[in-house]
Amino acid sequence: MNALQKGLLLGVVQIALVTSLAAKLSWDRHRFPRTWAKAGTWDPDLPIRGRYLGLQLEVVCGNPTAMPLPQIPRPQSAPPVFNPPVYLRGKLRVENGHLASDCASINDAANEDTVPILRQQRRGQSAMTTMLSEPVLFFLPEHASDPWQMAKGGELWAEVTLPKSGPPRPIRLAVKRGDQLTPLEAK
């Protein structure tokens, strides 16, 4: 086998690997449930990875009062203190069109089908926020418009696929203004 044949064989193997990965992800999108989830985000730009958004997806807990946040005692004259976060685990599912979980304690749900979830009260908010503790990555084309800037005056949402195990996989982004969800084009 000469150098040209070896190079062609290597090229065919690489194309087969990329094509098989694309086929698997496409098959998963049709086979597993999909839903929209509200996303908080930051926009890192690493030279090795390229440009992407780290999305923190909000999760609706099946029983949000089951795991109350610990209260910090404070004197009457002290300024308000915010509760520390509570780390939970849960299996993700689609419930009433939302990303949901049973949000069990870490000790109750320690298997590979569950993902880490964080419950906390953010500054200036009276309600609890429940989100995935690990962000999921949504990669952008190099010269794409910043989705966070396009979402000004609305909320950024992500359509995700829920595989049997592991974190959700983001498919596309949208902006929600009022009750209207408008998908964004990443160009």
C-alpha atoms as a PDB file:
ATOM      1  CA  MET A   1       0.000   0.000   0.000  1.00  0.00           C
ATOM      2  CA  ASN A   2       1.537   3.312  -1.060  1.00  0.00           C
ATOM      3  CA  ALA A   3       1.210   6.703   0.705  1.00  0.00           C
ATOM      4  CA  LEU A   4      -1.713   7.865  -1.461  1.00  0.00           C
ATOM      5  CA  GLN A   5      -3.777   4.758  -0.665  1.00  0.00           C
ATOM      6  CA  LYS A   6      -3.014   5.097   3.061  1.00  0.00           C
ATOM      7  CA  GLY A   7      -4.090   8.746   2.994  1.00  0.00           C
ATOM      8  CA  LEU A   8      -7.328   7.921   1.170  1.00  0.00           C
ATOM      9  CA  LEU A   9      -8.073   5.103   3.611  1.00  0.00           C
ATOM     10  CA  LEU A  10      -7.492   7.430   6.571  1.00  0.00           C
ATOM     11  CA  GLY A  11      -9.783  10.051   4.978  1.00  0.00           C
ATOM     12  CA  VAL A  12     -12.544   7.474   4.459  1.00  0.00           C
ATOM     13  CA  VAL A  13     -12.257   6.310   8.093  1.00  0.00           C
ATOM     14  CA  GLN A  14     -12.474   9.902   9.384  1.00  0.00           C
ATOM     15  CA  ILE A  15     -15.511  10.678   7.208  1.00  0.00           C
ATOM     16  CA  ALA A  16     -17.179   7.475   8.439  1.00  0.00           C
ATOM     17  CA  LEU A  17     -16.574   8.472  12.086  1.00  0.00           C
ATOM     18  CA  VAL A  18     -18.027  11.973  11.639  1.00  0.00           C
ATOM     19  CA  THR A  19     -20.986  10.665   9.642  1.00  0.00           C
ATOM     20  CA  SER A  20     -21.769   7.987  12.244  1.00  0.00           C
ATOM     21  CA  LEU A  21     -21.758  10.596  15.033  1.00  0.00           C
ATOM     22  CA  ALA A  22     -24.072  12.881  13.037  1.00  0.00           C
ATOM     23  CA  ALA A  23     -26.392   9.935  12.332  1.00  0.00           C
ATOM     24  CA  LYS A  24     -26.485   8.949  16.023  1.00  0.00           C
ATOM     25  CA  LEU A  25     -27.331  12.498  17.176  1.00  0.00           C
ATOM     26  CA  SER A  26     -30.001  12.821  14.479  1.00  0.00           C
ATOM     27  CA  TRP A  27     -31.488   9.459  15.487  1.00  0.00           C
ATOM     28  CA  ASP A  28     -31.494  10.540  19.165  1.00  0.00           C
ATOM     29  CA  ARG A  29     -33.375  13.744  18.283  1.00  0.00           C
ATOM     30  CA  HIS A  30     -36.170  11.682  16.740  1.00  0.00           C
ATOM     31  CA  ARG A  31     -36.175   8.898  19.349  1.00  0.00           C
ATOM     32  CA  PHE A  32     -35.860  10.752  22.679  1.00  0.00           C
ATOM     33  CA  PRO A  33     -38.228  13.385  24.082  1.00  0.00           C
ATOM     34  CA  ARG A  34     -37.623  17.060  23.299  1.00  0.00           C
ATOM     35  CA  THR A  35     -38.690  20.149  25.191  1.00  0.00           C
ATOM     36  CA  TRP A  36     -37.995  23.841  25.632  1.00  0.00           C
ATOM     37  CA  ALA A  37     -36.235  25.001  28.804  1.00  0.00           C
ATOM     38  CA  LYS A  38     -35.555  28.516  30.073  1.00  0.00           C
ATOM     39  CA  ALA A  39     -31.822  29.208  29.925  1.00  0.00           C
ATOM     40  CA  GLY A  40     -29.444  31.456  31.787  1.00  0.00           C
ATOM     41  CA  THR A  41     -26.146  31.850  29.977  1.00  0.00           C
ATOM     42  CA  TRP A  42     -22.694  33.324  29.668  1.00  0.00           C
ATOM     43  CA  ASP A  43     -20.683  33.639  26.481  1.00  0.00           C
ATOM     44  CA  PRO A  44     -17.153  32.272  26.878  1.00  0.00           C
ATOM     45  CA  ASP A  45     -14.732  32.229  23.977  1.00  0.00           C
ATOM     46  CA  LEU A  46     -11.880  29.766  24.312  1.00  0.00           C
ATOM     47  CA  PRO A  47      -9.261  29.514  21.532  1.00  0.00           C
ATOM     48  CA  ILE A  48      -9.208  25.712  21.687  1.00  0.00           C
ATOM     49  CA  ARG A  49     -12.978  25.137  21.735  1.00  0.00           C
ATOM     50  CA  GLY A  50     -14.217  28.081  19.716  1.00  0.00           C
ATOM     51  CA  ARG A  51     -17.264  30.173  20.515  1.00  0.00           C
ATOM     52  CA  TYR A  52     -20.080  28.694  22.539  1.00  0.00           C
ATOM     53  CA  LEU A  53     -22.732  29.476  25.128  1.00  0.00           C
ATOM     54  CA  GLY A  54     -22.759  27.722  28.480  1.00  0.00           C
ATOM     55  CA  LEU A  55     -26.495  27.296  29.145  1.00  0.00           C
ATOM     56  CA  GLN A  56     -27.819  26.792  32.669  1.00  0.00           C
ATOM     57  CA  LEU A  57     -31.218  25.209  32.108  1.00  0.00           C
ATOM     58  CA  GLU A  58     -34.041  25.722  34.593  1.00  0.00           C
ATOM     59  CA  VAL A  59     -35.709  22.568  35.871  1.00  0.00           C
ATOM     60  CA  VAL A  60     -39.160  22.211  37.422  1.00  0.00           C
ATOM     61  CA  CYS A  61     -38.905  20.024  40.529  1.00  0.00           C
ATOM     62  CA  GLY A  62     -41.657  17.467  41.019  1.00  0.00           C
ATOM     63  CA  ASN A  63     -41.979  18.409  44.668  1.00  0.00           C
ATOM     64  CA  PRO A  64     -40.101  21.670  45.301  1.00  0.00           C
ATOM     65  CA  THR A  65     -41.147  21.812  48.953  1.00  0.00           C
ATOM     66  CA  ALA A  66     -39.718  18.356  49.678  1.00  0.00           C
ATOM     67  CA  MET A  67     -36.198  19.746  50.078  1.00  0.00           C
ATOM     68  CA  PRO A  68     -36.446  23.112  51.849  1.00  0.00           C
ATOM     69  CA  LEU A  69     -33.402  25.336  51.743  1.00  0.00           C
ATOM     70  CA  PRO A  70     -31.569  25.579  55.070  1.00  0.00           C
ATOM     71  CA  GLN A  71     -32.270  28.802  56.947  1.00  0.00           C
ATOM     72  CA  ILE A  72     -29.386  30.852  58.286  1.00  0.00           C
ATOM     73  CA  PRO A  73     -30.171  32.417  61.676  1.00  0.00           C
ATOM     74  CA  ARG A  74     -29.493  36.156  61.786  1.00  0.00           C
ATOM     75  CA  PRO A  75     -29.998  38.938  64.277  1.00  0.00           C
ATOM     76  CA  GLN A  76     -32.997  41.206  63.799  1.00  0.00           C
ATOM     77  CA  SER A  77     -30.883  44.256  62.820  1.00  0.00           C
ATOM     78  CA  ALA A  78     -28.699  42.403  60.276  1.00  0.00           C
ATOM     79  CA  PRO A  79     -29.203  42.897  56.525  1.00  0.00           C
ATOM     80  CA  PRO A  80     -31.004  40.100  54.654  1.00  0.00           C
ATOM     81  CA  VAL A  81     -28.963  36.935  54.140  1.00  0.00           C
ATOM     82  CA  PHE A  82     -29.520  34.717  51.136  1.00  0.00           C
ATOM     83  CA  ASN A  83     -29.830  30.988  51.627  1.00  0.00           C
ATOM     84  CA  PRO A  84     -26.960  28.761  50.458  1.00  0.00           C
ATOM     85  CA  PRO A  85     -27.628  26.506  47.474  1.00  0.00           C
ATOM     86  CA  VAL A  86     -28.849  22.926  47.923  1.00  0.00           C
ATOM     87  CA  TYR A  87     -27.387  20.273  45.623  1.00  0.00           C
ATOM     88  CA  LEU A  88     -29.761  17.550  44.442  1.00  0.00           C
ATOM     89  CA  ARG A  89     -29.845  14.833  41.779  1.00  0.00           C
ATOM     90  CA  GLY A  90     -32.655  13.697  39.573  1.00  0.00           C
ATOM     91  CA  LYS A  91     -33.689  11.951  36.386  1.00  0.00           C
ATOM     92  CA  LEU A  92     -34.846  14.458  33.793  1.00  0.00           C
ATOM     93  CA  ARG A  93     -38.176  14.124  31.994  1.00  0.00           C
ATOM     94  CA  VAL A  94     -40.654  16.187  30.002  1.00  0.00           C
ATOM     95  CA  GLU A  95     -43.695  17.146  32.077  1.00  0.00           C
ATOM     96  CA  ASN A  96     -46.427  19.480  30.756  1.00  0.00           C
ATOM     97  CA  GLY A  97     -44.019  20.809  28.131  1.00  0.00           C
ATOM     98  CA  HIS A  98     -41.315  21.696  30.683  1.00  0.00           C
ATOM     99  CA  LEU A  99     -37.982  20.192  31.681  1.00  0.00           C
ATOM    100  CA  ALA A 100     -38.744  18.476  35.009  1.00  0.00           C
ATOM    101  CA  SER A 101     -37.150  16.211  37.601  1.00  0.00           C
ATOM    102  CA  ASP A 102     -38.028  14.514  40.889  1.00  0.00           C
ATOM    103  CA  CYS A 103     -35.133  16.432  42.552  1.00  0.00           C
ATOM    104  CA  ALA A 104     -34.127  13.816  45.132  1.00  0.00           C
ATOM    105  CA  SER A 105     -31.352  14.387  47.607  1.00  0.00           C
ATOM    106  CA  ILE A 106     -27.845  13.432  46.519  1.00  0.00           C
ATOM    107  CA  ASN A 107     -27.819  10.295  48.684  1.00  0.00           C
ATOM    108  CA  ASP A 108     -31.212   9.050  47.414  1.00  0.00           C
ATOM    109  CA  ALA A 109     -30.421   9.256  43.697  1.00  0.00           C
ATOM    110  CA  ALA A 110     -26.801   8.307  43.177  1.00  0.00           C
ATOM    111  CA  ASN A 111     -26.929   6.398  39.885  1.00  0.00           C
ATOM    112  CA  GLU A 112     -25.746   7.219  36.382  1.00  0.00           C
ATOM    113  CA  ASP A 113     -29.247   8.024  35.041  1.00  0.00           C
ATOM    114  CA  THR A 114     -29.442  11.159  37.186  1.00  0.00           C
ATOM    115  CA  VAL A 115     -27.899  14.601  36.688  1.00  0.00           C
ATOM    116  CA  PRO A 116     -26.786  17.135  39.312  1.00  0.00           C
ATOM    117  CA  ILE A 117     -29.351  19.847  40.066  1.00  0.00           C
ATOM    118  CA  LEU A 118     -28.917  23.052  42.047  1.00  0.00           C
ATOM    119  CA  ARG A 119     -31.637  24.862  44.043  1.00  0.00           C
ATOM    120  CA  GLN A 120     -30.933  28.357  45.180  1.00  0.00           C
ATOM    121  CA  GLN A 121     -32.462  31.724  45.807  1.00  0.00           C
ATOM    122  CA  ARG A 122     -30.844  34.420  43.672  1.00  0.00           C
ATOM    123  CA  ARG A 123     -30.392  38.001  44.778  1.00  0.00           C
ATOM    124  CA  GLY A 124     -33.469  40.091  44.203  1.00  0.00           C
ATOM    125  CA  GLN A 125     -35.743  37.101  43.617  1.00  0.00           C
ATOM    126  CA  SER A 126     -38.272  35.855  46.104  1.00  0.00           C
ATOM    127  CA  ALA A 127     -38.830  32.488  44.413  1.00  0.00           C
ATOM    128  CA  MET A 128     -36.464  29.519  44.339  1.00  0.00           C
ATOM    129  CA  THR A 129     -34.600  28.829  41.119  1.00  0.00           C
ATOM    130  CA  THR A 130     -33.904  25.209  40.259  1.00  0.00           C
ATOM    131  CA  MET A 131     -31.406  24.579  37.479  1.00  0.00           C
ATOM    132  CA  LEU A 132     -28.897  22.047  36.245  1.00  0.00           C
ATOM    133  CA  SER A 133     -25.708  22.599  38.195  1.00  0.00           C
ATOM    134  CA  GLU A 134     -23.520  21.844  35.161  1.00  0.00           C
ATOM    135  CA  PRO A 135     -24.043  24.045  32.092  1.00  0.00           C
ATOM    136  CA  VAL A 136     -24.727  22.400  28.742  1.00  0.00           C
ATOM    137  CA  LEU A 137     -22.765  23.765  25.791  1.00  0.00           C
ATOM    138  CA  PHE A 138     -24.303  25.250  22.648  1.00  0.00           C
ATOM    139  CA  PHE A 139     -21.654  25.924  19.994  1.00  0.00           C
ATOM    140  CA  LEU A 140     -22.035  28.940  17.713  1.00  0.00           C
ATOM    141  CA  PRO A 141     -20.634  29.649  14.272  1.00  0.00           C
ATOM    142  CA  GLU A 142     -17.644  31.992  14.430  1.00  0.00           C
ATOM    143  CA  HIS A 143     -19.401  35.101  13.113  1.00  0.00           C
ATOM    144  CA  ALA A 144     -22.898  34.412  14.491  1.00  0.00           C
ATOM    145  CA  SER A 145     -24.806  37.179  16.250  1.00  0.00           C
ATOM    146  CA  ASP A 146     -24.791  36.964  20.024  1.00  0.00           C
ATOM    147  CA  PRO A 147     -28.071  35.251  21.025  1.00  0.00           C
ATOM    148  CA  TRP A 148     -27.959  36.946  24.432  1.00  0.00           C
ATOM    149  CA  GLN A 149     -28.052  40.365  22.724  1.00  0.00           C
ATOM    150  CA  MET A 150     -30.927  39.252  20.469  1.00  0.00           C
ATOM    151  CA  ALA A 151     -32.865  38.172  23.580  1.00  0.00           C
ATOM    152  CA  LYS A 152     -32.886  41.697  25.096  1.00  0.00           C
ATOM    153  CA  GLY A 153     -36.375  42.426  26.351  1.00  0.00           C
ATOM    154  CA  GLY A 154     -37.219  38.725  26.540  1.00  0.00           C
ATOM    155  CA  GLU A 155     -36.010  35.396  27.898  1.00  0.00           C
ATOM    156  CA  LEU A 156     -33.557  33.027  26.221  1.00  0.00           C
ATOM    157  CA  TRP A 157     -34.878  29.464  25.847  1.00  0.00           C
ATOM    158  CA  ALA A 158     -33.210  26.318  24.472  1.00  0.00           C
ATOM    159  CA  GLU A 159     -34.818  23.319  22.814  1.00  0.00           C
ATOM    160  CA  VAL A 160     -33.160  20.211  24.226  1.00  0.00           C
ATOM    161  CA  THR A 161     -33.192  16.464  23.652  1.00  0.00           C
ATOM    162  CA  LEU A 162     -33.279  14.308  26.793  1.00  0.00           C
ATOM    163  CA  PRO A 163     -31.133  11.173  26.333  1.00  0.00           C
ATOM    164  CA  LYS A 164     -31.595   8.179  28.634  1.00  0.00           C
ATOM    165  CA  SER A 165     -28.611   9.225  30.721  1.00  0.00           C
ATOM    166  CA  GLY A 166     -26.485  12.317  31.001  1.00  0.00           C
ATOM    167  CA  PRO A 167     -27.262  15.981  30.540  1.00  0.00           C
ATOM    168  CA  PRO A 168     -29.697  17.337  27.940  1.00  0.00           C
ATOM    169  CA  ARG A 169     -28.368  18.134  24.471  1.00  0.00           C
ATOM    170  CA  PRO A 170     -29.285  21.597  23.160  1.00  0.00           C
ATOM    171  CA  ILE A 171     -30.619  21.735  19.606  1.00  0.00           C
ATOM    172  CA  ARG A 172     -31.552  25.374  19.008  1.00  0.00           C
ATOM    173  CA  LEU A 173     -32.231  28.649  20.805  1.00  0.00           C
ATOM    174  CA  ALA A 174     -35.301  30.883  20.936  1.00  0.00           C
ATOM    175  CA  VAL A 175     -36.416  34.149  22.518  1.00  0.00           C
ATOM    176  CA  LYS A 176     -39.638  34.275  24.515  1.00  0.00           C
ATOM    177  CA  ARG A 177     -41.462  37.595  24.727  1.00  0.00           C
ATOM    178  CA  GLY A 178     -44.785  37.289  26.519  1.00  0.00           C
ATOM    179  CA  ASP A 179     -46.211  33.953  25.353  1.00  0.00           C
ATOM    180  CA  GLN A 180     -44.512  34.060  21.928  1.00  0.00           C
ATOM    181  CA  LEU A 181     -41.486  31.781  21.403  1.00  0.00           C
ATOM    182  CA  THR A 182     -39.402  32.837  18.375  1.00  0.00           C
ATOM    183  CA  PRO A 183     -36.555  30.491  17.288  1.00  0.00           C
ATOM    184  CA  LEU A 184     -33.228  32.189  16.530  1.00  0.00           C
ATOM    185  CA  GLU A 185     -31.210  31.507  13.413  1.00  0.00           C
ATOM    186  CA  ALA A 186     -27.497  30.967  14.155  1.00  0.00           C
ATOM    187  CA  LYS A 187     -25.767  32.366  11.054  1.00  0.00           C
END
